[in-house]
């Protein structure tokens, strides 16, 4: 897929997520790898529902703005993930309702905020480690994500929202949507007697999802 096709695909997928309520206003951001030194990203303050393929931001591996509109300040933590996770070719960061609600709860297991109760969560996401709260734009977010990137496909920023990787844009969006649905179910089941997957089944499913 060439650069123009990736631009169009990013805009179409972002609009689809916006129209289905995964993003509101100017919240969240998406990026995709163009080559070893260039990344396409949503501009600062932009709405997923009103993106223009030609004005998307382009930055290099060090975060330098190369072309397009000014990039989101959060692109810096996208770059830390790309540098530390070879299989990540696209990243979706959302402030989606259920995952953001989950991120605001006390007592989450920092190593995995959602214990596995469906196979699809395990195969698409695996585990969901939690990053302690830092104000948006704080470089420490990228530092913490870099520590987790090698071993995990998705991350939950405390009091903020999810960051989800994929092998391409479609994979990243699909992973993000599966994760949001899992969070919705987890909150619906919060006071119920949940039948969790066994460790043995989780191990088998984890190998299928890699």
Protein backbone atom coordinates (compact mmCIF):
# COMPACT_ATOMS: atom_id res chain seq x y z
CA UNK A 1 0.00 0.00 0.00
CA UNK A 2 1.47 3.38 -1.01
CA UNK A 3 1.39 6.59 1.02
CA UNK A 4 -1.72 8.04 -0.62
CA UNK A 5 -3.64 4.82 -0.04
CA UNK A 6 -2.61 4.86 3.63
CA UNK A 7 -3.77 8.48 3.93
CA UNK A 8 -7.19 7.61 2.52
CA UNK A 9 -7.47 4.46 4.63
CA UNK A 10 -6.59 6.31 7.84
CA UNK A 11 -9.26 8.95 7.16
CA UNK A 12 -11.91 6.34 6.31
CA UNK A 13 -11.21 4.20 9.38
CA UNK A 14 -11.09 7.23 11.68
CA UNK A 15 -14.44 8.47 10.35
CA UNK A 16 -15.96 5.03 10.85
CA UNK A 17 -14.78 4.97 14.48
CA UNK A 18 -16.12 8.49 15.03
CA UNK A 19 -19.53 7.67 13.56
CA UNK A 20 -19.85 4.62 15.81
CA UNK A 21 -18.96 6.51 18.99
CA UNK A 22 -15.40 5.35 19.61
CA UNK A 23 -14.10 8.94 19.42
CA UNK A 24 -15.63 12.32 20.26
CA UNK A 25 -14.65 15.89 19.50
CA UNK A 26 -10.91 16.28 18.96
CA UNK A 27 -9.93 13.46 21.31
CA UNK A 28 -7.57 10.62 20.44
CA UNK A 29 -5.06 10.10 17.64
CA UNK A 30 -3.99 7.55 15.04
CA UNK A 31 -0.65 6.95 13.35
CA UNK A 32 0.74 4.58 10.73
CA UNK A 33 4.27 3.78 9.64
CA UNK A 34 5.13 4.99 6.13
CA UNK A 35 8.72 3.71 6.04
CA UNK A 36 11.62 3.28 8.45
CA UNK A 37 11.87 7.01 9.09
CA UNK A 38 8.42 8.53 8.42
CA UNK A 39 5.09 8.25 10.19
CA UNK A 40 1.67 9.58 9.21
CA UNK A 41 -0.44 10.90 12.10
CA UNK A 42 -3.59 12.82 12.93
CA UNK A 43 -2.96 16.54 13.51
CA UNK A 44 -3.31 18.20 16.91
CA UNK A 45 -6.90 18.75 18.03
CA UNK A 46 -8.33 17.08 14.95
CA UNK A 47 -11.63 15.18 14.96
CA UNK A 48 -11.70 11.59 13.73
CA UNK A 49 -14.84 12.56 11.81
CA UNK A 50 -13.36 15.51 9.90
CA UNK A 51 -9.88 14.50 8.74
CA UNK A 52 -8.42 15.48 5.38
CA UNK A 53 -6.01 13.00 3.73
CA UNK A 54 -3.81 15.82 2.40
CA UNK A 55 -3.38 17.67 5.70
CA UNK A 56 -2.39 14.70 7.87
CA UNK A 57 0.87 15.21 9.74
CA UNK A 58 4.13 13.51 8.78
CA UNK A 59 6.89 13.17 11.37
CA UNK A 60 10.25 11.41 11.41
CA UNK A 61 11.49 8.88 13.98
CA UNK A 62 12.71 11.68 16.23
CA UNK A 63 9.39 13.51 16.15
CA UNK A 64 10.44 16.26 13.75
CA UNK A 65 7.49 17.69 11.81
CA UNK A 66 8.12 17.06 8.10
CA UNK A 67 4.84 17.86 6.35
CA UNK A 68 1.13 18.51 6.80
CA UNK A 69 -0.59 20.13 9.75
CA UNK A 70 1.01 20.31 13.19
CA UNK A 71 1.03 16.81 14.77
CA UNK A 72 -0.60 15.93 18.07
CA UNK A 73 1.77 16.23 21.04
CA UNK A 74 0.90 12.60 21.81
CA UNK A 75 2.64 11.40 18.66
CA UNK A 76 5.77 11.34 20.82
CA UNK A 77 4.54 8.28 22.72
CA UNK A 78 3.52 6.60 19.44
CA UNK A 79 7.13 6.91 18.32
CA UNK A 80 8.41 5.30 21.51
CA UNK A 81 6.22 2.28 20.81
CA UNK A 82 7.38 2.04 17.18
CA UNK A 83 10.99 2.09 18.33
CA UNK A 84 10.42 -0.73 20.80
CA UNK A 85 7.86 -2.97 19.08
CA UNK A 86 8.96 -4.23 15.66
CA UNK A 87 5.53 -5.64 14.75
CA UNK A 88 3.75 -2.32 15.35
CA UNK A 89 2.99 -0.59 12.05
CA UNK A 90 -0.04 1.37 13.25
CA UNK A 91 -1.30 2.75 16.57
CA UNK A 92 -4.75 3.86 17.73
CA UNK A 93 -5.18 5.96 20.88
CA UNK A 94 -8.77 6.53 21.99
CA UNK A 95 -10.72 8.15 24.81
CA UNK A 96 -13.47 5.58 24.22
CA UNK A 97 -16.22 5.35 26.83
CA UNK A 98 -15.75 1.96 28.45
CA UNK A 99 -11.97 1.76 28.41
CA UNK A 100 -11.67 5.30 29.76
CA UNK A 101 -14.19 4.44 32.49
CA UNK A 102 -12.13 1.36 33.32
CA UNK A 103 -8.95 3.44 33.42
CA UNK A 104 -10.45 5.61 36.18
CA UNK A 105 -11.10 2.74 38.60
CA UNK A 106 -9.00 2.15 41.69
CA UNK A 107 -7.58 -1.29 42.36
CA UNK A 108 -6.84 -2.36 38.80
CA UNK A 109 -4.26 -5.10 38.31
CA UNK A 110 -1.42 -3.03 36.83
CA UNK A 111 -0.06 -6.06 34.96
CA UNK A 112 -3.42 -6.81 33.31
CA UNK A 113 -6.47 -4.59 33.81
CA UNK A 114 -8.89 -7.13 32.29
CA UNK A 115 -8.70 -10.76 33.31
CA UNK A 116 -9.48 -12.96 30.30
CA UNK A 117 -13.06 -14.16 29.95
CA UNK A 118 -13.38 -14.33 26.13
CA UNK A 119 -10.99 -15.93 23.64
CA UNK A 120 -11.16 -12.94 21.29
CA UNK A 121 -9.65 -10.58 23.86
CA UNK A 122 -6.73 -12.96 24.36
CA UNK A 123 -6.10 -13.52 20.65
CA UNK A 124 -6.34 -9.85 19.68
CA UNK A 125 -4.90 -8.12 22.73
CA UNK A 126 -3.44 -10.68 25.13
CA UNK A 127 -3.03 -8.60 28.27
CA UNK A 128 -3.72 -4.97 29.14
CA UNK A 129 -1.03 -3.44 31.39
CA UNK A 130 -1.78 -0.12 33.08
CA UNK A 131 0.47 2.94 32.86
CA UNK A 132 0.28 5.27 35.87
CA UNK A 133 -1.31 8.67 35.29
CA UNK A 134 0.72 11.49 33.75
CA UNK A 135 -0.69 14.68 32.26
CA UNK A 136 -1.29 14.56 28.48
CA UNK A 137 1.92 15.40 26.62
CA UNK A 138 4.20 14.39 29.50
CA UNK A 139 7.28 12.63 28.03
CA UNK A 140 7.07 10.08 30.85
CA UNK A 141 4.12 8.44 29.08
CA UNK A 142 6.40 7.48 26.20
CA UNK A 143 9.09 6.26 28.58
CA UNK A 144 6.62 3.99 30.37
CA UNK A 145 5.11 2.69 27.11
CA UNK A 146 8.59 1.93 25.76
CA UNK A 147 9.14 -0.41 28.73
CA UNK A 148 5.99 -2.36 27.88
CA UNK A 149 6.04 -2.26 24.08
CA UNK A 150 8.18 -5.32 23.43
CA UNK A 151 5.86 -7.68 25.30
CA UNK A 152 2.40 -6.14 24.83
CA UNK A 153 0.10 -5.06 21.99
CA UNK A 154 -2.12 -2.70 24.00
CA UNK A 155 -1.84 -0.48 27.07
CA UNK A 156 -4.25 1.42 29.33
CA UNK A 157 -3.24 4.91 30.39
CA UNK A 158 -4.68 5.54 33.85
CA UNK A 159 -7.47 8.17 33.88
CA UNK A 160 -6.91 8.67 30.16
CA UNK A 161 -7.65 5.78 27.77
CA UNK A 162 -6.27 2.94 25.65
CA UNK A 163 -3.31 2.78 23.27
CA UNK A 164 -3.52 -0.13 20.83
CA UNK A 165 -1.05 -1.37 18.20
CA UNK A 166 -1.51 -3.41 15.05
CA UNK A 167 0.42 -4.88 12.15
CA UNK A 168 -1.41 -2.37 9.93
CA UNK A 169 -4.20 0.19 10.30
CA UNK A 170 -7.04 -2.30 9.94
CA UNK A 171 -5.48 -4.62 12.51
CA UNK A 172 -4.94 -1.76 14.98
CA UNK A 173 -8.54 -0.57 14.61
CA UNK A 174 -9.92 -4.10 14.94
CA UNK A 175 -7.82 -4.64 18.07
CA UNK A 176 -9.03 -1.35 19.54
CA UNK A 177 -12.66 -2.20 18.88
CA UNK A 178 -12.33 -5.68 20.39
CA UNK A 179 -10.68 -4.17 23.45
CA UNK A 180 -13.43 -1.56 23.89
CA UNK A 181 -16.10 -4.27 23.66
CA UNK A 182 -14.21 -6.36 26.22
CA UNK A 183 -14.12 -3.39 28.61
CA UNK A 184 -17.85 -2.86 28.11
CA UNK A 185 -18.54 -6.48 28.99
CA UNK A 186 -16.14 -6.39 31.95
CA UNK A 187 -18.00 -3.42 33.44
CA UNK A 188 -21.40 -5.05 32.78
CA UNK A 189 -20.20 -8.19 34.56
CA UNK A 190 -18.41 -6.39 37.38
CA UNK A 191 -20.75 -7.49 40.18
CA UNK A 192 -21.44 -10.95 38.73
CA UNK A 193 -19.88 -14.38 39.11
CA UNK A 194 -17.75 -14.45 35.95
CA UNK A 195 -16.43 -17.67 34.43
CA UNK A 196 -12.85 -16.73 33.56
CA UNK A 197 -10.71 -18.65 31.09
CA UNK A 198 -8.23 -21.10 32.56
CA UNK A 199 -4.51 -20.32 32.46
CA UNK A 200 -4.03 -23.33 30.15
CA UNK A 201 -6.57 -22.00 27.65
CA UNK A 202 -5.11 -18.51 27.85
CA UNK A 203 -1.66 -19.91 27.02
CA UNK A 204 -3.04 -21.74 23.95
CA UNK A 205 -4.98 -18.69 22.75
CA UNK A 206 -1.99 -16.40 23.30
CA UNK A 207 0.07 -18.46 20.86
CA UNK A 208 -2.71 -18.22 18.26
CA UNK A 209 -2.83 -14.46 18.62
CA UNK A 210 0.86 -13.76 18.03
